[in-house]
C-alpha atoms as a PDB file:
ATOM      1  CA  UNK A   1     -62.354 -16.738 -39.164  1.00  0.00           C
ATOM      2  CA  UNK A   2     -61.490 -12.921 -38.998  1.00  0.00           C
ATOM      3  CA  UNK A   3     -61.679 -12.763 -35.342  1.00  0.00           C
ATOM      4  CA  UNK A   4     -59.698 -15.677 -34.897  1.00  0.00           C
ATOM      5  CA  UNK A   5     -56.869 -14.017 -36.944  1.00  0.00           C
ATOM      6  CA  UNK A   6     -57.225 -11.041 -34.768  1.00  0.00           C
ATOM      7  CA  UNK A   7     -56.930 -12.870 -31.562  1.00  0.00           C
ATOM      8  CA  UNK A   8     -53.918 -14.689 -32.890  1.00  0.00           C
ATOM      9  CA  UNK A   9     -52.200 -11.263 -33.770  1.00  0.00           C
ATOM     10  CA  UNK A  10     -53.062  -9.814 -30.544  1.00  0.00           C
ATOM     11  CA  UNK A  11     -51.485 -13.065 -28.911  1.00  0.00           C
ATOM     12  CA  UNK A  12     -48.416 -12.809 -30.887  1.00  0.00           C
ATOM     13  CA  UNK A  13     -48.164  -8.902 -30.021  1.00  0.00           C
ATOM     14  CA  UNK A  14     -48.507  -9.829 -26.398  1.00  0.00           C
ATOM     15  CA  UNK A  15     -46.070 -12.629 -26.689  1.00  0.00           C
ATOM     16  CA  UNK A  16     -43.451 -10.279 -28.109  1.00  0.00           C
ATOM     17  CA  UNK A  17     -44.138  -7.605 -25.515  1.00  0.00           C
ATOM     18  CA  UNK A  18     -43.543 -10.063 -22.751  1.00  0.00           C
ATOM     19  CA  UNK A  19     -40.319 -11.460 -24.230  1.00  0.00           C
ATOM     20  CA  UNK A  20     -38.989  -7.926 -24.714  1.00  0.00           C
ATOM     21  CA  UNK A  21     -40.071  -7.193 -21.035  1.00  0.00           C
ATOM     22  CA  UNK A  22     -38.379 -10.185 -19.646  1.00  0.00           C
ATOM     23  CA  UNK A  23     -35.133  -9.754 -21.873  1.00  0.00           C
ATOM     24  CA  UNK A  24     -34.859  -6.089 -20.463  1.00  0.00           C
ATOM     25  CA  UNK A  25     -35.503  -7.238 -16.904  1.00  0.00           C
ATOM     26  CA  UNK A  26     -32.624  -9.709 -17.233  1.00  0.00           C
ATOM     27  CA  UNK A  27     -30.551  -7.315 -18.789  1.00  0.00           C
ATOM     28  CA  UNK A  28     -31.355  -4.792 -16.122  1.00  0.00           C
ATOM     29  CA  UNK A  29     -30.834  -7.462 -13.373  1.00  0.00           C
ATOM     30  CA  UNK A  30     -27.359  -8.371 -14.698  1.00  0.00           C
ATOM     31  CA  UNK A  31     -26.410  -4.605 -14.803  1.00  0.00           C
ATOM     32  CA  UNK A  32     -27.562  -4.190 -10.992  1.00  0.00           C
ATOM     33  CA  UNK A  33     -25.734  -7.302  -9.992  1.00  0.00           C
ATOM     34  CA  UNK A  34     -22.546  -6.276 -11.584  1.00  0.00           C
ATOM     35  CA  UNK A  35     -22.797  -2.745 -10.076  1.00  0.00           C
ATOM     36  CA  UNK A  36     -23.629  -4.465  -6.570  1.00  0.00           C
ATOM     37  CA  UNK A  37     -20.719  -6.653  -6.889  1.00  0.00           C
ATOM     38  CA  UNK A  38     -18.439  -3.958  -8.017  1.00  0.00           C
ATOM     39  CA  UNK A  39     -19.609  -2.104  -4.973  1.00  0.00           C
ATOM     40  CA  UNK A  40     -18.737  -4.897  -2.510  1.00  0.00           C
ATOM     41  CA  UNK A  41     -15.428  -5.238  -3.992  1.00  0.00           C
ATOM     42  CA  UNK A  42     -14.687  -1.734  -3.508  1.00  0.00           C
ATOM     43  CA  UNK A  43     -15.914  -1.851  -0.013  1.00  0.00           C
ATOM     44  CA  UNK A  44     -13.991  -4.902   0.793  1.00  0.00           C
ATOM     45  CA  UNK A  45     -10.695  -3.362  -0.596  1.00  0.00           C
ATOM     46  CA  UNK A  46     -11.161  -0.338   2.077  1.00  0.00           C
ATOM     47  CA  UNK A  47     -12.777  -2.347   5.019  1.00  0.00           C
ATOM     48  CA  UNK A  48      -9.625  -4.561   5.480  1.00  0.00           C
ATOM     49  CA  UNK A  49      -9.857  -6.927   8.525  1.00  0.00           C
ATOM     50  CA  UNK A  50      -7.345  -5.567  11.158  1.00  0.00           C
ATOM     51  CA  UNK A  51      -4.618  -8.263  11.928  1.00  0.00           C
ATOM     52  CA  UNK A  52      -4.066  -8.125  15.932  1.00  0.00           C
ATOM     53  CA  UNK A  53      -0.793  -6.985  17.520  1.00  0.00           C
ATOM     54  CA  UNK A  54       0.610 -10.161  18.923  1.00  0.00           C
ATOM     55  CA  UNK A  55       4.226  -9.589  19.147  1.00  0.00           C
ATOM     56  CA  UNK A  56       6.406  -6.760  20.446  1.00  0.00           C
ATOM     57  CA  UNK A  57      10.047  -5.878  20.360  1.00  0.00           C
ATOM     58  CA  UNK A  58      10.940  -7.349  23.659  1.00  0.00           C
ATOM     59  CA  UNK A  59      10.645 -10.726  21.954  1.00  0.00           C
ATOM     60  CA  UNK A  60      13.758  -9.965  20.161  1.00  0.00           C
ATOM     61  CA  UNK A  61      15.549  -8.352  23.077  1.00  0.00           C
ATOM     62  CA  UNK A  62      14.853  -4.812  22.110  1.00  0.00           C
ATOM     63  CA  UNK A  63      14.373  -1.706  24.095  1.00  0.00           C
ATOM     64  CA  UNK A  64      11.255   0.086  23.032  1.00  0.00           C
ATOM     65  CA  UNK A  65       8.500   2.481  24.051  1.00  0.00           C
ATOM     66  CA  UNK A  66       4.731   2.534  23.190  1.00  0.00           C
ATOM     67  CA  UNK A  67       4.474   5.779  21.179  1.00  0.00           C
ATOM     68  CA  UNK A  68       1.129   7.562  19.958  1.00  0.00           C
ATOM     69  CA  UNK A  69       1.042   9.529  16.766  1.00  0.00           C
ATOM     70  CA  UNK A  70      -1.369  11.854  14.933  1.00  0.00           C
ATOM     71  CA  UNK A  71      -2.092  11.808  11.258  1.00  0.00           C
ATOM     72  CA  UNK A  72      -0.995  15.245   9.857  1.00  0.00           C
ATOM     73  CA  UNK A  73      -4.606  16.400   9.072  1.00  0.00           C
ATOM     74  CA  UNK A  74      -5.028  15.823  12.750  1.00  0.00           C
ATOM     75  CA  UNK A  75      -8.150  13.282  12.260  1.00  0.00           C
ATOM     76  CA  UNK A  76      -6.585   9.832  13.154  1.00  0.00           C
ATOM     77  CA  UNK A  77      -4.750   8.665  16.294  1.00  0.00           C
ATOM     78  CA  UNK A  78      -1.967   6.188  15.544  1.00  0.00           C
ATOM     79  CA  UNK A  79      -0.045   3.758  17.719  1.00  0.00           C
ATOM     80  CA  UNK A  80       3.477   2.585  17.377  1.00  0.00           C
ATOM     81  CA  UNK A  81       6.871   1.758  18.971  1.00  0.00           C
ATOM     82  CA  UNK A  82      10.070   3.787  19.122  1.00  0.00           C
ATOM     83  CA  UNK A  83      13.256   1.403  19.449  1.00  0.00           C
ATOM     84  CA  UNK A  84      16.581   2.636  20.525  1.00  0.00           C
ATOM     85  CA  UNK A  85      20.117   1.554  19.709  1.00  0.00           C
ATOM     86  CA  UNK A  86      22.594   1.090  22.628  1.00  0.00           C
ATOM     87  CA  UNK A  87      24.618   4.161  21.396  1.00  0.00           C
ATOM     88  CA  UNK A  88      23.568   7.643  19.974  1.00  0.00           C
ATOM     89  CA  UNK A  89      21.691   6.762  16.649  1.00  0.00           C
ATOM     90  CA  UNK A  90      22.858   7.332  13.381  1.00  0.00           C
ATOM     91  CA  UNK A  91      19.280   8.211  12.038  1.00  0.00           C
ATOM     92  CA  UNK A  92      15.684   7.434  12.546  1.00  0.00           C
ATOM     93  CA  UNK A  93      14.248   4.939  10.274  1.00  0.00           C
ATOM     94  CA  UNK A  94      10.293   4.841   9.881  1.00  0.00           C
ATOM     95  CA  UNK A  95       9.050   1.452   8.831  1.00  0.00           C
ATOM     96  CA  UNK A  96       5.484   1.285   6.970  1.00  0.00           C
ATOM     97  CA  UNK A  97       3.658  -1.985   6.821  1.00  0.00           C
ATOM     98  CA  UNK A  98       1.927  -3.399   3.917  1.00  0.00           C
ATOM     99  CA  UNK A  99      -1.843  -3.642   3.073  1.00  0.00           C
ATOM    100  CA  UNK A 100      -3.344  -5.853   5.908  1.00  0.00           C
ATOM    101  CA  UNK A 101      -0.386  -5.484   7.994  1.00  0.00           C
ATOM    102  CA  UNK A 102       0.442  -3.789  11.408  1.00  0.00           C
ATOM    103  CA  UNK A 103       3.603  -2.495  12.986  1.00  0.00           C
ATOM    104  CA  UNK A 104       5.207  -5.830  13.291  1.00  0.00           C
ATOM    105  CA  UNK A 105       4.273  -7.000   9.648  1.00  0.00           C
ATOM    106  CA  UNK A 106       4.968 -10.674   9.842  1.00  0.00           C
ATOM    107  CA  UNK A 107       4.914 -10.815   5.917  1.00  0.00           C
ATOM    108  CA  UNK A 108       7.941  -8.360   6.162  1.00  0.00           C
ATOM    109  CA  UNK A 109       9.524  -9.690   9.372  1.00  0.00           C
ATOM    110  CA  UNK A 110       9.514  -6.297  10.781  1.00  0.00           C
ATOM    111  CA  UNK A 111      10.893  -7.114  14.244  1.00  0.00           C
ATOM    112  CA  UNK A 112      13.941  -9.162  13.164  1.00  0.00           C
ATOM    113  CA  UNK A 113      14.664  -6.696  10.671  1.00  0.00           C
ATOM    114  CA  UNK A 114      14.298  -3.965  13.210  1.00  0.00           C
ATOM    115  CA  UNK A 115      16.903  -5.882  15.450  1.00  0.00           C
ATOM    116  CA  UNK A 116      19.344  -5.794  12.640  1.00  0.00           C
ATOM    117  CA  UNK A 117      19.017  -2.153  11.812  1.00  0.00           C
ATOM    118  CA  UNK A 118      19.229  -1.178  15.490  1.00  0.00           C
ATOM    119  CA  UNK A 119      22.349  -3.395  16.041  1.00  0.00           C
ATOM    120  CA  UNK A 120      23.758  -1.253  12.875  1.00  0.00           C
ATOM    121  CA  UNK A 121      23.188   1.769  14.927  1.00  0.00           C
ATOM    122  CA  UNK A 122      19.706   3.234  13.848  1.00  0.00           C
ATOM    123  CA  UNK A 123      16.729   4.112  15.801  1.00  0.00           C
ATOM    124  CA  UNK A 124      13.517   2.509  14.353  1.00  0.00           C
ATOM    125  CA  UNK A 125       9.860   3.728  14.511  1.00  0.00           C
ATOM    126  CA  UNK A 126       7.193   1.146  13.542  1.00  0.00           C
ATOM    127  CA  UNK A 127       3.560   2.056  13.821  1.00  0.00           C
ATOM    128  CA  UNK A 128      -0.111   0.875  12.516  1.00  0.00           C
ATOM    129  CA  UNK A 129      -1.556   2.958   9.774  1.00  0.00           C
ATOM    130  CA  UNK A 130      -5.340   3.887  10.137  1.00  0.00           C
ATOM    131  CA  UNK A 131      -7.600   0.806  10.270  1.00  0.00           C
ATOM    132  CA  UNK A 132      -4.676  -1.558  11.108  1.00  0.00           C
ATOM    133  CA  UNK A 133      -3.375  -3.033  14.476  1.00  0.00           C
ATOM    134  CA  UNK A 134      -4.479  -0.747  17.531  1.00  0.00           C
ATOM    135  CA  UNK A 135      -4.726   2.697  15.592  1.00  0.00           C
ATOM    136  CA  UNK A 136      -8.060   4.636  14.801  1.00  0.00           C
ATOM    137  CA  UNK A 137      -9.891   4.425  11.486  1.00  0.00           C
ATOM    138  CA  UNK A 138     -12.264   2.074   9.860  1.00  0.00           C
ATOM    139  CA  UNK A 139     -11.163   2.550   6.211  1.00  0.00           C
ATOM    140  CA  UNK A 140      -7.848   1.499   4.301  1.00  0.00           C
ATOM    141  CA  UNK A 141      -7.264   3.752   1.254  1.00  0.00           C
ATOM    142  CA  UNK A 142      -4.040   1.997   0.098  1.00  0.00           C
ATOM    143  CA  UNK A 143      -1.911   5.004   0.341  1.00  0.00           C
ATOM    144  CA  UNK A 144      -4.084   7.791  -0.366  1.00  0.00           C
ATOM    145  CA  UNK A 145      -4.750   8.999   3.358  1.00  0.00           C
ATOM    146  CA  UNK A 146      -1.892   6.765   4.583  1.00  0.00           C
ATOM    147  CA  UNK A 147       0.444   9.183   3.504  1.00  0.00           C
ATOM    148  CA  UNK A 148      -1.214  11.621   6.196  1.00  0.00           C
ATOM    149  CA  UNK A 149      -0.386   8.967   8.805  1.00  0.00           C
ATOM    150  CA  UNK A 150       3.165   8.707   7.782  1.00  0.00           C
ATOM    151  CA  UNK A 151       3.589  12.420   7.742  1.00  0.00           C
ATOM    152  CA  UNK A 152       2.153  12.631  11.220  1.00  0.00           C
ATOM    153  CA  UNK A 153       4.810  10.130  12.412  1.00  0.00           C
ATOM    154  CA  UNK A 154       7.435  12.212  10.600  1.00  0.00           C
ATOM    155  CA  UNK A 155       6.336  15.448  12.413  1.00  0.00           C
ATOM    156  CA  UNK A 156       6.294  13.431  15.678  1.00  0.00           C
ATOM    157  CA  UNK A 157       9.952  12.218  14.897  1.00  0.00           C
ATOM    158  CA  UNK A 158      11.129  15.660  13.964  1.00  0.00           C
ATOM    159  CA  UNK A 159       9.790  16.701  17.605  1.00  0.00           C
ATOM    160  CA  UNK A 160      12.148  14.125  19.191  1.00  0.00           C
ATOM    161  CA  UNK A 161      15.368  14.627  17.200  1.00  0.00           C
ATOM    162  CA  UNK A 162      17.018  16.750  14.497  1.00  0.00           C
ATOM    163  CA  UNK A 163      18.698  13.276  13.265  1.00  0.00           C
ATOM    164  CA  UNK A 164      18.352  11.949   9.627  1.00  0.00           C
ATOM    165  CA  UNK A 165      15.092  10.513   8.902  1.00  0.00           C
ATOM    166  CA  UNK A 166      14.782   7.700   6.371  1.00  0.00           C
ATOM    167  CA  UNK A 167      11.587   6.114   5.327  1.00  0.00           C
ATOM    168  CA  UNK A 168      11.170   2.280   4.894  1.00  0.00           C
ATOM    169  CA  UNK A 169       8.126   0.418   3.770  1.00  0.00           C
ATOM    170  CA  UNK A 170       6.735  -2.764   2.181  1.00  0.00           C
ATOM    171  CA  UNK A 171       4.197  -2.862  -0.540  1.00  0.00           C
ATOM    172  CA  UNK A 172       1.348  -0.389   0.184  1.00  0.00           C
ATOM    173  CA  UNK A 173       3.756   0.967   2.669  1.00  0.00           C
ATOM    174  CA  UNK A 174       6.602   1.412   0.390  1.00  0.00           C
ATOM    175  CA  UNK A 175       4.228   3.204  -2.073  1.00  0.00           C
ATOM    176  CA  UNK A 176       3.147   5.714   1.092  1.00  0.00           C
ATOM    177  CA  UNK A 177       6.858   6.117   1.826  1.00  0.00           C
ATOM    178  CA  UNK A 178       7.314   7.364  -1.527  1.00  0.00           C
ATOM    179  CA  UNK A 179       4.331   9.559  -1.330  1.00  0.00           C
ATOM    180  CA  UNK A 180       5.198  11.095   1.840  1.00  0.00           C
ATOM    181  CA  UNK A 181       8.824  11.640   1.026  1.00  0.00           C
ATOM    182  CA  UNK A 182       7.912  13.621  -1.945  1.00  0.00           C
ATOM    183  CA  UNK A 183       6.220  16.085   0.452  1.00  0.00           C
ATOM    184  CA  UNK A 184       8.658  15.994   3.347  1.00  0.00           C
ATOM    185  CA  UNK A 185      12.190  17.482   2.604  1.00  0.00           C
ATOM    186  CA  UNK A 186      13.295  16.183   6.286  1.00  0.00           C
ATOM    187  CA  UNK A 187      13.538  12.681   4.662  1.00  0.00           C
ATOM    188  CA  UNK A 188      16.834  12.081   3.387  1.00  0.00           C
ATOM    189  CA  UNK A 189      16.414   8.682   1.759  1.00  0.00           C
ATOM    190  CA  UNK A 190      13.913   5.961   0.972  1.00  0.00           C
ATOM    191  CA  UNK A 191      13.955   2.326   0.966  1.00  0.00           C
ATOM    192  CA  UNK A 192      10.887   1.010  -1.006  1.00  0.00           C
ATOM    193  CA  UNK A 193      10.185  -2.948  -0.956  1.00  0.00           C
ATOM    194  CA  UNK A 194       7.597  -3.821  -3.666  1.00  0.00           C
ATOM    195  CA  UNK A 195       5.849  -0.687  -4.286  1.00  0.00           C
ATOM    196  CA  UNK A 196       3.265   0.153  -7.003  1.00  0.00           C
ATOM    197  CA  UNK A 197       4.047   3.197  -9.322  1.00  0.00           C
ATOM    198  CA  UNK A 198       0.535   4.570  -9.640  1.00  0.00           C
ATOM    199  CA  UNK A 199      -2.438   3.416  -7.661  1.00  0.00           C
ATOM    200  CA  UNK A 200      -5.157   3.975 -10.555  1.00  0.00           C
ATOM    201  CA  UNK A 201      -2.874   2.412 -13.291  1.00  0.00           C
ATOM    202  CA  UNK A 202      -1.999  -0.622 -11.029  1.00  0.00           C
ATOM    203  CA  UNK A 203      -5.644  -1.279 -10.251  1.00  0.00           C
ATOM    204  CA  UNK A 204      -6.824  -0.968 -13.684  1.00  0.00           C
ATOM    205  CA  UNK A 205      -4.261  -3.721 -14.558  1.00  0.00           C
ATOM    206  CA  UNK A 206      -4.337  -5.851 -11.580  1.00  0.00           C
ATOM    207  CA  UNK A 207      -7.596  -5.559  -9.646  1.00  0.00           C
ATOM    208  CA  UNK A 208      -8.725  -8.913 -11.005  1.00  0.00           C
ATOM    209  CA  UNK A 209      -5.670 -10.507  -9.141  1.00  0.00           C
ATOM    210  CA  UNK A 210      -7.034  -9.343  -5.864  1.00  0.00           C
ATOM    211  CA  UNK A 211     -10.848  -9.793  -6.743  1.00  0.00           C
ATOM    212  CA  UNK A 212     -10.743 -12.895  -8.335  1.00  0.00           C
ATOM    213  CA  UNK A 213     -13.316 -11.719 -10.723  1.00  0.00           C
ATOM    214  CA  UNK A 214     -13.160 -11.112 -14.351  1.00  0.00           C
ATOM    215  CA  UNK A 215     -11.503  -7.841 -15.537  1.00  0.00           C
ATOM    216  CA  UNK A 216     -14.511  -6.843 -17.630  1.00  0.00           C
ATOM    217  CA  UNK A 217     -16.829  -5.277 -16.323  1.00  0.00           C
ATOM    218  CA  UNK A 218     -15.969  -5.524 -12.754  1.00  0.00           C
ATOM    219  CA  UNK A 219     -12.494  -3.373 -12.940  1.00  0.00           C
ATOM    220  CA  UNK A 220     -13.920  -0.343 -14.766  1.00  0.00           C
ATOM    221  CA  UNK A 221     -17.204  -0.672 -12.487  1.00  0.00           C
ATOM    222  CA  UNK A 222     -15.177  -0.680  -9.148  1.00  0.00           C
ATOM    223  CA  UNK A 223     -12.907   2.124 -10.064  1.00  0.00           C
ATOM    224  CA  UNK A 224     -15.975   4.413 -10.972  1.00  0.00           C
ATOM    225  CA  UNK A 225     -17.641   3.352  -7.663  1.00  0.00           C
ATOM    226  CA  UNK A 226     -14.761   3.647  -5.305  1.00  0.00           C
ATOM    227  CA  UNK A 227     -14.533   7.336  -5.260  1.00  0.00           C
ATOM    228  CA  UNK A 228     -18.082   7.893  -4.232  1.00  0.00           C
ATOM    229  CA  UNK A 229     -18.738   4.775  -1.722  1.00  0.00           C
ATOM    230  CA  UNK A 230     -15.191   5.168  -0.077  1.00  0.00           C
ATOM    231  CA  UNK A 231     -14.121   8.807  -0.456  1.00  0.00           C
ATOM    232  CA  UNK A 232     -11.053   7.459  -2.285  1.00  0.00           C
ATOM    233  CA  UNK A 233      -9.462   8.781  -5.507  1.00  0.00           C
ATOM    234  CA  UNK A 234      -6.780   6.489  -6.873  1.00  0.00           C
ATOM    235  CA  UNK A 235      -5.177   9.441  -8.770  1.00  0.00           C
ATOM    236  CA  UNK A 236      -4.211  10.716  -5.463  1.00  0.00           C
ATOM    237  CA  UNK A 237      -1.569   7.792  -4.947  1.00  0.00           C
ATOM    238  CA  UNK A 238       1.037   7.989  -7.562  1.00  0.00           C
ATOM    239  CA  UNK A 239       4.375   7.283  -6.351  1.00  0.00           C
ATOM    240  CA  UNK A 240       5.930   7.776  -9.944  1.00  0.00           C
ATOM    241  CA  UNK A 241       4.968  11.432  -9.770  1.00  0.00           C
ATOM    242  CA  UNK A 242       6.167  11.474  -6.212  1.00  0.00           C
ATOM    243  CA  UNK A 243       9.758  10.503  -7.092  1.00  0.00           C
ATOM    244  CA  UNK A 244      10.154  13.558  -9.185  1.00  0.00           C
ATOM    245  CA  UNK A 245       9.687  15.528  -5.946  1.00  0.00           C
ATOM    246  CA  UNK A 246      12.176  13.117  -4.037  1.00  0.00           C
ATOM    247  CA  UNK A 247      14.969  13.411  -6.700  1.00  0.00           C
ATOM    248  CA  UNK A 248      17.968  13.835  -6.381  1.00  0.00           C
ATOM    249  CA  UNK A 249      17.680  12.306  -2.754  1.00  0.00           C
ATOM    250  CA  UNK A 250      18.374   8.566  -3.067  1.00  0.00           C
ATOM    251  CA  UNK A 251      16.013   5.568  -3.215  1.00  0.00           C
ATOM    252  CA  UNK A 252      16.670   1.955  -2.903  1.00  0.00           C
ATOM    253  CA  UNK A 253      14.092  -0.182  -4.449  1.00  0.00           C
ATOM    254  CA  UNK A 254      13.842  -4.057  -3.775  1.00  0.00           C
ATOM    255  CA  UNK A 255      11.390  -5.936  -5.896  1.00  0.00           C
ATOM    256  CA  UNK A 256      11.459  -9.712  -6.823  1.00  0.00           C
ATOM    257  CA  UNK A 257      10.854 -10.907 -10.396  1.00  0.00           C
ATOM    258  CA  UNK A 258       8.772 -13.465  -8.677  1.00  0.00           C
ATOM    259  CA  UNK A 259       6.227 -11.088  -7.311  1.00  0.00           C
ATOM    260  CA  UNK A 260       2.624 -11.796  -9.056  1.00  0.00           C
ATOM    261  CA  UNK A 261       1.070  -9.214  -6.544  1.00  0.00           C
ATOM    262  CA  UNK A 262       2.759  -6.096  -7.708  1.00  0.00           C
ATOM    263  CA  UNK A 263       5.223  -6.768 -10.760  1.00  0.00           C
ATOM    264  CA  UNK A 264       8.705  -5.827 -10.343  1.00  0.00           C
ATOM    265  CA  UNK A 265       8.147  -3.880 -13.568  1.00  0.00           C
ATOM    266  CA  UNK A 266       6.552  -1.336 -11.236  1.00  0.00           C
ATOM    267  CA  UNK A 267       9.800  -0.559  -9.588  1.00  0.00           C
ATOM    268  CA  UNK A 268      11.529  -0.628 -12.652  1.00  0.00           C
ATOM    269  CA  UNK A 269       9.333   2.309 -14.121  1.00  0.00           C
ATOM    270  CA  UNK A 270      10.454   4.538 -11.193  1.00  0.00           C
ATOM    271  CA  UNK A 271      14.098   3.656 -11.130  1.00  0.00           C
ATOM    272  CA  UNK A 272      14.511   4.552 -15.012  1.00  0.00           C
ATOM    273  CA  UNK A 273      13.338   8.044 -14.322  1.00  0.00           C
ATOM    274  CA  UNK A 274      16.541   8.855 -12.432  1.00  0.00           C
ATOM    275  CA  UNK A 275      19.003   5.737 -12.485  1.00  0.00           C
ATOM    276  CA  UNK A 276      21.820   7.993 -11.137  1.00  0.00           C
ATOM    277  CA  UNK A 277      20.062   8.261  -7.795  1.00  0.00           C
ATOM    278  CA  UNK A 278      17.564   5.449  -7.698  1.00  0.00           C
ATOM    279  CA  UNK A 279      18.828   1.606  -7.690  1.00  0.00           C
ATOM    280  CA  UNK A 280      17.065  -1.514  -7.745  1.00  0.00           C
ATOM    281  CA  UNK A 281      17.875  -4.905  -6.083  1.00  0.00           C
ATOM    282  CA  UNK A 282      15.958  -7.726  -7.329  1.00  0.00           C
ATOM    283  CA  UNK A 283      15.760 -11.016  -5.141  1.00  0.00           C
ATOM    284  CA  UNK A 284      15.434 -13.737  -7.538  1.00  0.00           C
ATOM    285  CA  UNK A 285      12.062 -15.751  -7.720  1.00  0.00           C
ATOM    286  CA  UNK A 286      10.680 -14.944  -4.217  1.00  0.00           C
ATOM    287  CA  UNK A 287       6.792 -13.849  -3.357  1.00  0.00           C
ATOM    288  CA  UNK A 288       5.730 -10.691  -2.812  1.00  0.00           C
ATOM    289  CA  UNK A 289       7.622  -8.810  -0.262  1.00  0.00           C
ATOM    290  CA  UNK A 290       9.598 -11.860   0.779  1.00  0.00           C
ATOM    291  CA  UNK A 291      13.023 -10.568  -0.052  1.00  0.00           C
ATOM    292  CA  UNK A 292      14.047 -10.238   3.512  1.00  0.00           C
ATOM    293  CA  UNK A 293      12.658 -13.754   4.792  1.00  0.00           C
ATOM    294  CA  UNK A 294      14.475 -15.480   2.061  1.00  0.00           C
ATOM    295  CA  UNK A 295      17.789 -13.619   1.605  1.00  0.00           C
ATOM    296  CA  UNK A 296      17.900 -12.108   5.367  1.00  0.00           C
ATOM    297  CA  UNK A 297      21.904 -11.681   5.314  1.00  0.00           C
ATOM    298  CA  UNK A 298      22.051 -10.166   1.665  1.00  0.00           C
ATOM    299  CA  UNK A 299      18.837  -7.950   2.498  1.00  0.00           C
ATOM    300  CA  UNK A 300      20.503  -6.187   5.638  1.00  0.00           C
ATOM    301  CA  UNK A 301      23.822  -6.103   4.014  1.00  0.00           C
ATOM    302  CA  UNK A 302      22.207  -4.065   1.040  1.00  0.00           C
ATOM    303  CA  UNK A 303      20.005  -2.251   3.095  1.00  0.00           C
ATOM    304  CA  UNK A 304      22.828  -0.860   5.760  1.00  0.00           C
ATOM    305  CA  UNK A 305      25.248  -0.251   2.827  1.00  0.00           C
ATOM    306  CA  UNK A 306      22.666   1.982   1.269  1.00  0.00           C
ATOM    307  CA  UNK A 307      21.967   3.819   4.284  1.00  0.00           C
ATOM    308  CA  UNK A 308      25.702   4.331   5.178  1.00  0.00           C
ATOM    309  CA  UNK A 309      26.522   5.544   1.707  1.00  0.00           C
ATOM    310  CA  UNK A 310      23.231   7.916   1.593  1.00  0.00           C
ATOM    311  CA  UNK A 311      23.749   9.383   4.655  1.00  0.00           C
ATOM    312  CA  UNK A 312      27.482   9.829   4.317  1.00  0.00           C
ATOM    313  CA  UNK A 313      28.110   7.543   7.366  1.00  0.00           C
ATOM    314  CA  UNK A 314      31.045   5.449   6.024  1.00  0.00           C
END
């Protein structure tokens, strides 16, 4: 009987060992899958598919010329348009599109809005960020490197004219406008439609909205891997820090309380830092960056009044 007992003990020991190996392998597989999915999410955020440029200003009866710009670091060639008013421009407004958009951003209605601004006497410049429209680049960085693109456009405009420069942007472009204005004293005012206040904090709180994946474990894993797979540090895009450098120059924030992509509390945070120079208009119950399309007349009125007051053009 003893050999039988010994054989049973050996079998039990082997079974336990196999169960342990199986459990460990399963846990390891789950970890590897979670990391792989997080890497995919990080890459998909930065490898955004380009939207083709399908319109041009002539569709709206606007006079324009094609322009080429270079990012301030000299590494990325950018394409855009410069549109002129009938008379001498009051100022130049540089418009920055949102994540996944381009120079005629359809979500923000850039061309019809440009027409209204030009009729009000402003020169308008629109352009494609890196990895968008017809510009160079193969990576979108949600403001981190796009600020170099916008700064390069500002440099080109400064070569063209000494008129006041105003930055206007929607979503990612709004955040980028704030980041650039904080570094460029030539910018006299900013209009920021639906920006985030801090990219790292925003992604920590909202990445699951974009990825459609559970917050844990994918959000912390994605944020941990992105700096390595995409040369992107979210801490380098913090508009709420940039507004301290912009102040006391004026900022008009536009942000709907119906925005589920970037909550309007993001703009509220920044307005509260300096309410004497920063103001917030809240279009009621409209989706992300849809304030202009839903309230075009009031939108243009608020923007032009802000411009006239900020630039002392009344």
